[in-house]
Amino acid sequence: MPRAAVLTAFYAPLELRELPLPDIEPGAVLVRTEMAGICGTDVHIWQGQMPIALPVILGHETVGRIEKLGAGVERDWTGQAIAVGDRVTWNSAVSCGACFYCAEKKQPTRCPHRRAYGIGYRCDEAPHFLGGYADFHYLRPRTTIFKLPDDLATESVVGAGCALITAIHGVERTGIAWQDSVVVQGAGPVGIAALAVAKSAGAGKVIVIGGPKPRLEMARRFGADEVIDIDEVREPAARLALVRQLTGGYGADVVLECVGIPAAVVEGMELCRDGGKYLILGHYCDAGPVMWNPHVVTRKQLQVFGSWSSEPRHLRQAIEFLRANRERFPFHEMVTHRFTLDRANEALAATANWQAAKSVFVAS
């Protein structure tokens, strides 16, 4: 019987369970999992920072091969024909398409009916397989599916994961201009993706603040002009002084927060130059409040942006981006640790402890 690694309680070990395969309703697709990424959001969920219903199969960064097609499913979101055996990926969330935010404001990430795989579905109810940490994944009707081209490696897609589409969505909101100086707070998958998107958008100097050293080395591999190691430059005031020194004494034109730690926001706003832009991108889960002075925003005349998840168009852009930039932005190299489902807790710990650039589950 197919297996899944199941989160049954926050902070508790994942349990390996066998679950029955569901019948396929019209419009749905059953996929055999080929590779599933472990996202930092999964760690935050495991730590109880998102009040979701349990039990759940985590995982929202998945590539697999079509096992069964429900009636009426013939093409992917771009119009390509799809068939059993095709390698596909998909957006992690399904929006209704008809509400105020979907239909009128064209912001489907704010759809009140939107639910995400690996987050919003209990696995003790059919169709069960609604997360990536499993042998199979059930794709509900209205899921935006993308057939992957043969020349794009699975490792590239999962290595980029939700980080790349999240970064594309976020960075487009800031409007990075040609030769802007940019600071990226965080050297994890979202930070690396934001670095790549900022560089491709025309940023001049990009400075990455984070750690540990292997992640900063990866940032250099992706084109970071400067890196600041938080294990060496421990005080925010020292990091601010260094950023100003590296940006002509003023601070960055744009700062991209990709950490998910509230204190980083307080520091990040000060890293902006007067009149600069600040994007809060890393806080998908609620890590708690932080004290800050709103006078910083008015005094520096900042533009502050928030960005939540992504839309189907961003996944299409990401696939094209990955194909066009294999050498410049080697997202396949982000996959540094591979696990089978029976090692689920070891895999989650590798991400939680920053041991891996990207941990993934692979078919056993």
Protein backbone atom coordinates (compact mmCIF):
# COMPACT_ATOMS: atom_id res chain seq x y z
CA MET A 1 0.00 0.00 0.00
CA PRO A 2 1.31 3.54 -0.76
CA ARG A 3 3.02 5.39 2.07
CA ALA A 4 3.16 8.94 3.38
CA ALA A 5 5.11 10.75 6.10
CA VAL A 6 2.39 12.32 8.25
CA LEU A 7 2.50 15.22 10.71
CA THR A 8 0.15 14.20 13.52
CA ALA A 9 1.15 16.79 16.16
CA PHE A 10 3.28 19.92 16.20
CA TYR A 11 6.89 19.30 17.23
CA ALA A 12 6.22 15.55 17.11
CA PRO A 13 8.09 13.16 14.80
CA LEU A 14 6.48 12.48 11.44
CA GLU A 15 4.80 9.07 11.23
CA LEU A 16 5.17 6.77 8.23
CA ARG A 17 1.66 5.58 7.35
CA GLU A 18 0.03 3.50 4.65
CA LEU A 19 -3.02 5.04 3.01
CA PRO A 20 -5.42 3.78 0.32
CA LEU A 21 -5.29 5.28 -3.15
CA PRO A 22 -8.43 7.27 -3.99
CA ASP A 23 -10.76 7.01 -6.93
CA ILE A 24 -10.13 9.74 -9.49
CA GLU A 25 -12.94 12.26 -9.89
CA PRO A 26 -13.50 14.18 -13.14
CA GLY A 27 -10.95 16.96 -13.53
CA ALA A 28 -8.47 15.41 -11.09
CA VAL A 29 -5.07 13.82 -11.68
CA LEU A 30 -3.10 11.20 -9.74
CA VAL A 31 0.68 11.64 -9.86
CA ARG A 32 3.40 9.24 -8.73
CA THR A 33 5.90 11.33 -6.76
CA GLU A 34 9.36 11.56 -8.30
CA MET A 35 10.89 14.24 -6.05
CA ALA A 36 9.48 16.44 -3.29
CA GLY A 37 11.25 19.37 -1.67
CA ILE A 38 11.37 20.25 2.00
CA CYS A 39 10.63 23.95 2.40
CA GLY A 40 11.41 26.19 5.34
CA THR A 41 7.66 26.70 5.65
CA ASP A 42 7.34 22.99 6.43
CA VAL A 43 9.66 23.53 9.39
CA HIS A 44 7.60 26.51 10.58
CA ILE A 45 4.41 24.43 10.30
CA TRP A 46 6.02 21.57 12.23
CA GLN A 47 6.94 24.15 14.91
CA GLY A 48 3.30 25.20 15.22
CA GLN A 49 3.65 28.62 13.60
CA MET A 50 0.62 28.07 11.37
CA PRO A 51 -2.62 26.86 12.98
CA ILE A 52 -3.63 24.15 10.51
CA ALA A 53 -5.79 21.08 11.00
CA LEU A 54 -3.90 17.83 11.60
CA PRO A 55 -3.01 15.20 10.51
CA VAL A 56 -1.46 16.46 7.29
CA ILE A 57 1.02 15.30 4.68
CA LEU A 58 3.49 18.15 4.36
CA GLY A 59 5.17 19.14 1.10
CA HIS A 60 4.21 21.70 -1.55
CA GLU A 61 7.21 21.51 -3.93
CA THR A 62 6.72 18.38 -5.98
CA VAL A 63 7.51 16.83 -9.36
CA GLY A 64 5.96 13.55 -10.46
CA ARG A 65 4.70 11.49 -13.36
CA ILE A 66 1.05 11.23 -14.23
CA GLU A 67 -0.40 7.92 -13.07
CA LYS A 68 -4.09 8.51 -13.88
CA LEU A 69 -6.08 11.28 -15.54
CA GLY A 70 -9.61 12.13 -14.50
CA ALA A 71 -12.27 12.65 -17.13
CA GLY A 72 -11.91 15.92 -18.98
CA VAL A 73 -8.20 16.49 -18.25
CA GLU A 74 -6.39 16.80 -21.55
CA ARG A 75 -4.08 19.83 -21.33
CA ASP A 76 -1.90 21.64 -18.83
CA TRP A 77 -2.27 25.30 -17.83
CA THR A 78 -0.31 26.46 -20.89
CA GLY A 79 -2.39 24.41 -23.32
CA GLN A 80 0.05 21.54 -23.86
CA ALA A 81 -1.46 18.09 -24.22
CA ILE A 82 -0.75 15.82 -21.24
CA ALA A 83 -0.91 12.05 -20.90
CA VAL A 84 -0.13 9.24 -18.49
CA GLY A 85 3.64 9.08 -17.93
CA ASP A 86 4.28 12.78 -18.46
CA ARG A 87 6.48 14.53 -15.92
CA VAL A 88 4.66 17.45 -14.33
CA THR A 89 4.71 20.01 -11.57
CA TRP A 90 1.93 22.25 -10.29
CA ASN A 91 1.07 25.30 -8.23
CA SER A 92 0.71 24.38 -4.60
CA ALA A 93 -2.59 26.19 -4.07
CA VAL A 94 -5.98 26.20 -5.76
CA SER A 95 -8.05 29.41 -5.84
CA CYS A 96 -11.75 29.60 -6.63
CA GLY A 97 -11.48 31.88 -9.68
CA ALA A 98 -14.79 33.60 -8.99
CA CYS A 99 -14.52 35.62 -5.77
CA PHE A 100 -13.83 39.35 -5.31
CA TYR A 101 -10.06 38.85 -5.21
CA CYS A 102 -9.86 36.29 -8.03
CA ALA A 103 -12.29 37.80 -10.52
CA GLU A 104 -12.31 41.53 -9.78
CA LYS A 105 -8.98 42.43 -8.18
CA LYS A 106 -6.93 39.76 -10.03
CA GLN A 107 -5.11 38.80 -6.84
CA PRO A 108 -5.83 35.06 -6.52
CA THR A 109 -3.33 34.65 -3.69
CA ARG A 110 -5.84 36.54 -1.50
CA CYS A 111 -8.75 34.25 -2.40
CA PRO A 112 -10.55 33.35 0.86
CA HIS A 113 -11.26 29.88 -0.55
CA ARG A 114 -7.64 29.21 -1.53
CA ARG A 115 -6.13 26.05 -0.05
CA ALA A 116 -2.59 24.77 -0.39
CA TYR A 117 -1.30 21.25 -0.79
CA GLY A 118 0.82 20.13 2.13
CA ILE A 119 -0.86 22.70 4.37
CA GLY A 120 -4.62 23.03 3.99
CA TYR A 121 -5.86 19.44 3.66
CA ARG A 122 -6.21 16.74 6.31
CA CYS A 123 -4.88 13.37 5.19
CA ASP A 124 -7.25 11.24 7.29
CA GLU A 125 -9.99 12.12 4.81
CA ALA A 126 -10.18 10.96 1.19
CA PRO A 127 -8.44 11.55 -1.16
CA HIS A 128 -5.64 11.47 1.48
CA PHE A 129 -2.64 12.15 -0.77
CA LEU A 130 -2.65 15.94 -0.76
CA GLY A 131 1.00 16.66 0.10
CA GLY A 132 4.41 15.91 -1.35
CA TYR A 133 5.84 13.68 1.40
CA ALA A 134 4.18 10.60 -0.09
CA ASP A 135 4.46 7.99 -2.83
CA PHE A 136 1.57 9.59 -4.70
CA HIS A 137 -0.02 13.03 -4.95
CA TYR A 138 -3.67 13.68 -5.79
CA LEU A 139 -4.30 16.88 -7.75
CA ARG A 140 -7.79 18.24 -7.28
CA PRO A 141 -9.82 19.77 -10.12
CA ARG A 142 -8.70 23.33 -10.97
CA THR A 143 -5.08 22.58 -10.04
CA THR A 144 -2.77 24.46 -12.41
CA ILE A 145 -0.56 21.71 -13.83
CA PHE A 146 2.55 22.24 -15.97
CA LYS A 147 4.10 19.62 -18.22
CA LEU A 148 7.87 19.86 -17.82
CA PRO A 149 10.16 20.01 -20.87
CA ASP A 150 12.59 17.13 -21.31
CA ASP A 151 15.59 19.46 -21.14
CA LEU A 152 14.73 20.74 -17.64
CA ALA A 153 16.02 18.57 -14.81
CA THR A 154 13.75 17.60 -11.95
CA GLU A 155 16.49 18.78 -9.59
CA SER A 156 16.27 22.28 -11.08
CA VAL A 157 12.51 22.49 -10.55
CA VAL A 158 12.56 21.18 -6.97
CA GLY A 159 15.82 22.99 -6.17
CA ALA A 160 14.09 26.23 -7.09
CA GLY A 161 10.92 25.02 -5.38
CA CYS A 162 8.38 27.54 -4.16
CA ALA A 163 11.26 29.91 -3.38
CA LEU A 164 11.71 30.99 -7.00
CA ILE A 165 8.05 31.65 -7.74
CA THR A 166 7.70 33.43 -4.40
CA ALA A 167 10.69 35.61 -5.27
CA ILE A 168 9.40 36.37 -8.77
CA HIS A 169 6.08 37.51 -7.32
CA GLY A 170 7.74 39.59 -4.61
CA VAL A 171 10.45 41.23 -6.67
CA GLU A 172 8.03 42.28 -9.40
CA ARG A 173 6.16 44.28 -6.76
CA THR A 174 9.26 46.31 -5.87
CA GLY A 175 10.12 47.32 -9.40
CA ILE A 176 13.90 46.91 -9.09
CA ALA A 177 15.47 49.35 -11.49
CA TRP A 178 18.57 49.00 -13.67
CA GLN A 179 21.75 49.00 -11.55
CA ASP A 180 19.91 49.32 -8.24
CA SER A 181 21.87 48.27 -5.19
CA VAL A 182 20.08 45.40 -3.45
CA VAL A 183 20.49 43.72 -0.07
CA VAL A 184 19.08 40.23 0.40
CA GLN A 185 18.50 39.26 4.01
CA GLY A 186 18.88 35.49 4.19
CA ALA A 187 20.90 32.92 2.24
CA GLY A 188 18.39 30.07 2.31
CA PRO A 189 16.37 28.96 -0.74
CA VAL A 190 14.19 32.12 -0.78
CA GLY A 191 17.23 34.36 -0.40
CA ILE A 192 19.13 32.58 -3.18
CA ALA A 193 16.08 32.77 -5.44
CA ALA A 194 15.59 36.47 -4.67
CA LEU A 195 19.24 37.04 -5.49
CA ALA A 196 18.81 35.36 -8.88
CA VAL A 197 15.62 37.28 -9.68
CA ALA A 198 17.16 40.60 -8.61
CA LYS A 199 20.22 39.99 -10.77
CA SER A 200 18.09 39.09 -13.78
CA ALA A 201 15.96 42.21 -13.18
CA GLY A 202 19.02 44.40 -13.68
CA ALA A 203 20.29 44.97 -10.16
CA GLY A 204 23.85 46.24 -10.01
CA LYS A 205 25.45 45.32 -6.69
CA VAL A 206 23.69 42.60 -4.69
CA ILE A 207 24.75 41.99 -1.08
CA VAL A 208 23.59 38.84 0.72
CA ILE A 209 23.46 38.76 4.53
CA GLY A 210 23.17 35.34 6.13
CA GLY A 211 24.84 32.07 6.97
CA PRO A 212 26.18 29.49 7.43
CA LYS A 213 29.21 29.57 5.15
CA PRO A 214 28.05 26.87 2.68
CA ARG A 215 24.94 28.91 1.97
CA LEU A 216 27.01 32.05 1.46
CA GLU A 217 29.24 30.13 -0.93
CA MET A 218 26.11 29.17 -2.85
CA ALA A 219 25.10 32.84 -2.89
CA ARG A 220 28.43 33.68 -4.52
CA ARG A 221 27.85 30.89 -7.04
CA PHE A 222 24.56 32.63 -7.92
CA GLY A 223 26.26 35.97 -8.45
CA ALA A 224 26.27 37.77 -5.09
CA ASP A 225 28.75 40.64 -5.30
CA GLU A 226 29.27 40.73 -1.54
CA VAL A 227 28.28 38.48 1.35
CA ILE A 228 28.07 39.32 5.04
CA ASP A 229 28.38 36.36 7.40
CA ILE A 230 26.12 36.81 10.42
CA ASP A 231 28.37 34.46 12.40
CA GLU A 232 31.27 36.87 11.88
CA VAL A 233 29.45 40.21 11.84
CA ARG A 234 27.10 39.55 14.73
CA GLU A 235 25.74 43.01 15.61
CA PRO A 236 23.05 44.70 13.49
CA ALA A 237 24.85 48.04 13.85
CA ALA A 238 28.01 46.53 12.39
CA ARG A 239 26.09 45.01 9.48
CA LEU A 240 24.41 48.37 8.84
CA ALA A 241 27.78 50.12 8.78
CA LEU A 242 29.14 47.55 6.35
CA VAL A 243 26.14 47.82 4.02
CA ARG A 244 26.45 51.60 3.95
CA GLN A 245 30.14 51.30 3.20
CA LEU A 246 29.38 48.95 0.30
CA THR A 247 26.66 51.23 -1.12
CA GLY A 248 28.44 54.56 -1.19
CA GLY A 249 27.43 55.57 2.32
CA TYR A 250 23.68 55.61 1.78
CA GLY A 251 22.26 52.11 2.13
CA ALA A 252 20.57 49.91 -0.48
CA ASP A 253 18.01 51.02 -3.02
CA VAL A 254 16.03 47.84 -2.31
CA VAL A 255 16.18 45.40 0.60
CA LEU A 256 14.55 41.98 0.29
CA GLU A 257 13.71 40.20 3.56
CA CYS A 258 13.92 36.44 3.01
CA VAL A 259 14.54 35.19 6.55
CA GLY A 260 11.19 34.73 8.27
CA ILE A 261 12.56 36.00 11.58
CA PRO A 262 10.74 39.12 12.90
CA ALA A 263 13.91 40.85 14.12
CA ALA A 264 15.25 40.84 10.57
CA VAL A 265 12.49 43.28 9.56
CA VAL A 266 13.61 45.86 12.11
CA GLU A 267 17.19 45.59 10.89
CA GLY A 268 16.24 45.49 7.21
CA MET A 269 14.40 48.79 7.17
CA GLU A 270 17.53 50.53 8.42
CA LEU A 271 19.57 48.91 5.64
CA CYS A 272 17.56 50.87 3.04
CA ARG A 273 18.70 54.24 1.82
CA ASP A 274 16.38 57.18 2.34
CA GLY A 275 13.58 56.83 -0.20
CA GLY A 276 14.36 53.15 -0.68
CA LYS A 277 12.11 50.11 -0.89
CA TYR A 278 11.66 47.25 1.57
CA LEU A 279 10.02 43.92 0.74
CA ILE A 280 8.86 41.51 3.46
CA LEU A 281 8.94 38.15 1.70
CA GLY A 282 10.07 35.53 4.20
CA HIS A 283 7.14 35.61 6.64
CA TYR A 284 4.76 33.00 5.23
CA CYS A 285 4.13 31.72 8.77
CA ASP A 286 3.44 33.69 11.92
CA ALA A 287 6.73 33.79 13.84
CA GLY A 288 5.37 36.32 16.30
CA PRO A 289 5.51 40.10 16.78
CA VAL A 290 8.49 42.40 17.13
CA MET A 291 8.94 45.93 18.47
CA TRP A 292 9.71 48.51 15.85
CA ASN A 293 9.37 52.26 15.44
CA PRO A 294 7.13 53.38 12.55
CA HIS A 295 9.05 56.64 12.52
CA VAL A 296 11.74 54.74 10.61
CA VAL A 297 9.36 54.45 7.64
CA THR A 298 8.46 58.15 7.62
CA ARG A 299 11.95 59.39 8.48
CA LYS A 300 13.51 57.36 5.67
CA GLN A 301 10.48 57.87 3.39
CA LEU A 302 10.39 54.13 2.69
CA GLN A 303 8.10 52.15 0.44
CA VAL A 304 7.23 48.90 2.24
CA PHE A 305 5.82 45.92 0.34
CA GLY A 306 4.36 42.58 1.31
CA SER A 307 4.02 39.59 -0.99
CA TRP A 308 2.20 36.32 -0.36
CA SER A 309 2.99 33.11 -2.23
CA SER A 310 2.56 33.22 -6.04
CA GLU A 311 0.19 32.84 -8.99
CA PRO A 312 0.16 30.30 -11.85
CA ARG A 313 1.83 32.79 -14.19
CA HIS A 314 4.85 32.90 -11.88
CA LEU A 315 5.35 29.14 -12.21
CA ARG A 316 5.27 29.44 -15.99
CA GLN A 317 7.83 32.25 -15.75
CA ALA A 318 9.96 30.17 -13.39
CA ILE A 319 10.06 27.20 -15.77
CA GLU A 320 11.16 29.47 -18.61
CA PHE A 321 13.69 31.19 -16.32
CA LEU A 322 15.22 27.88 -15.24
CA ARG A 323 15.61 26.69 -18.85
CA ALA A 324 17.24 29.95 -19.93
CA ASN A 325 19.65 30.28 -16.99
CA ARG A 326 21.00 26.80 -16.24
CA GLU A 327 24.62 27.90 -15.98
CA ARG A 328 24.13 31.35 -14.52
CA PHE A 329 21.72 30.24 -11.80
CA PRO A 330 22.32 26.51 -11.15
CA PHE A 331 19.28 25.70 -9.04
CA HIS A 332 19.95 21.99 -9.47
CA GLU A 333 22.96 22.47 -7.21
CA MET A 334 20.64 23.55 -4.41
CA VAL A 335 19.64 19.89 -3.96
CA THR A 336 22.32 18.78 -1.51
CA HIS A 337 20.56 16.12 0.60
CA ARG A 338 18.35 13.26 -0.63
CA PHE A 339 16.13 11.06 1.55
CA THR A 340 13.55 8.33 1.23
CA LEU A 341 10.26 8.55 3.11
CA ASP A 342 11.43 6.23 5.89
CA ARG A 343 14.01 8.91 6.79
CA ALA A 344 11.43 11.69 6.97
CA ASN A 345 12.43 13.04 10.37
CA GLU A 346 16.11 13.10 9.45
CA ALA A 347 15.18 15.04 6.32
CA LEU A 348 13.11 17.59 8.22
CA ALA A 349 15.91 18.04 10.77
CA ALA A 350 18.47 18.70 8.02
CA THR A 351 16.38 21.66 6.87
CA ALA A 352 15.49 22.86 10.37
CA ASN A 353 19.17 22.86 11.41
CA TRP A 354 20.39 24.58 8.21
CA GLN A 355 22.49 21.54 7.31
CA ALA A 356 21.19 21.45 3.75
CA ALA A 357 20.77 23.99 1.01
CA LYS A 358 17.80 21.89 -0.11
CA SER A 359 16.66 18.53 1.23
CA VAL A 360 14.41 16.41 -0.97
CA PHE A 361 12.50 13.15 -0.88
CA VAL A 362 13.11 10.79 -3.78
CA ALA A 363 11.19 7.70 -4.83
CA SER A 364 12.50 4.54 -3.16
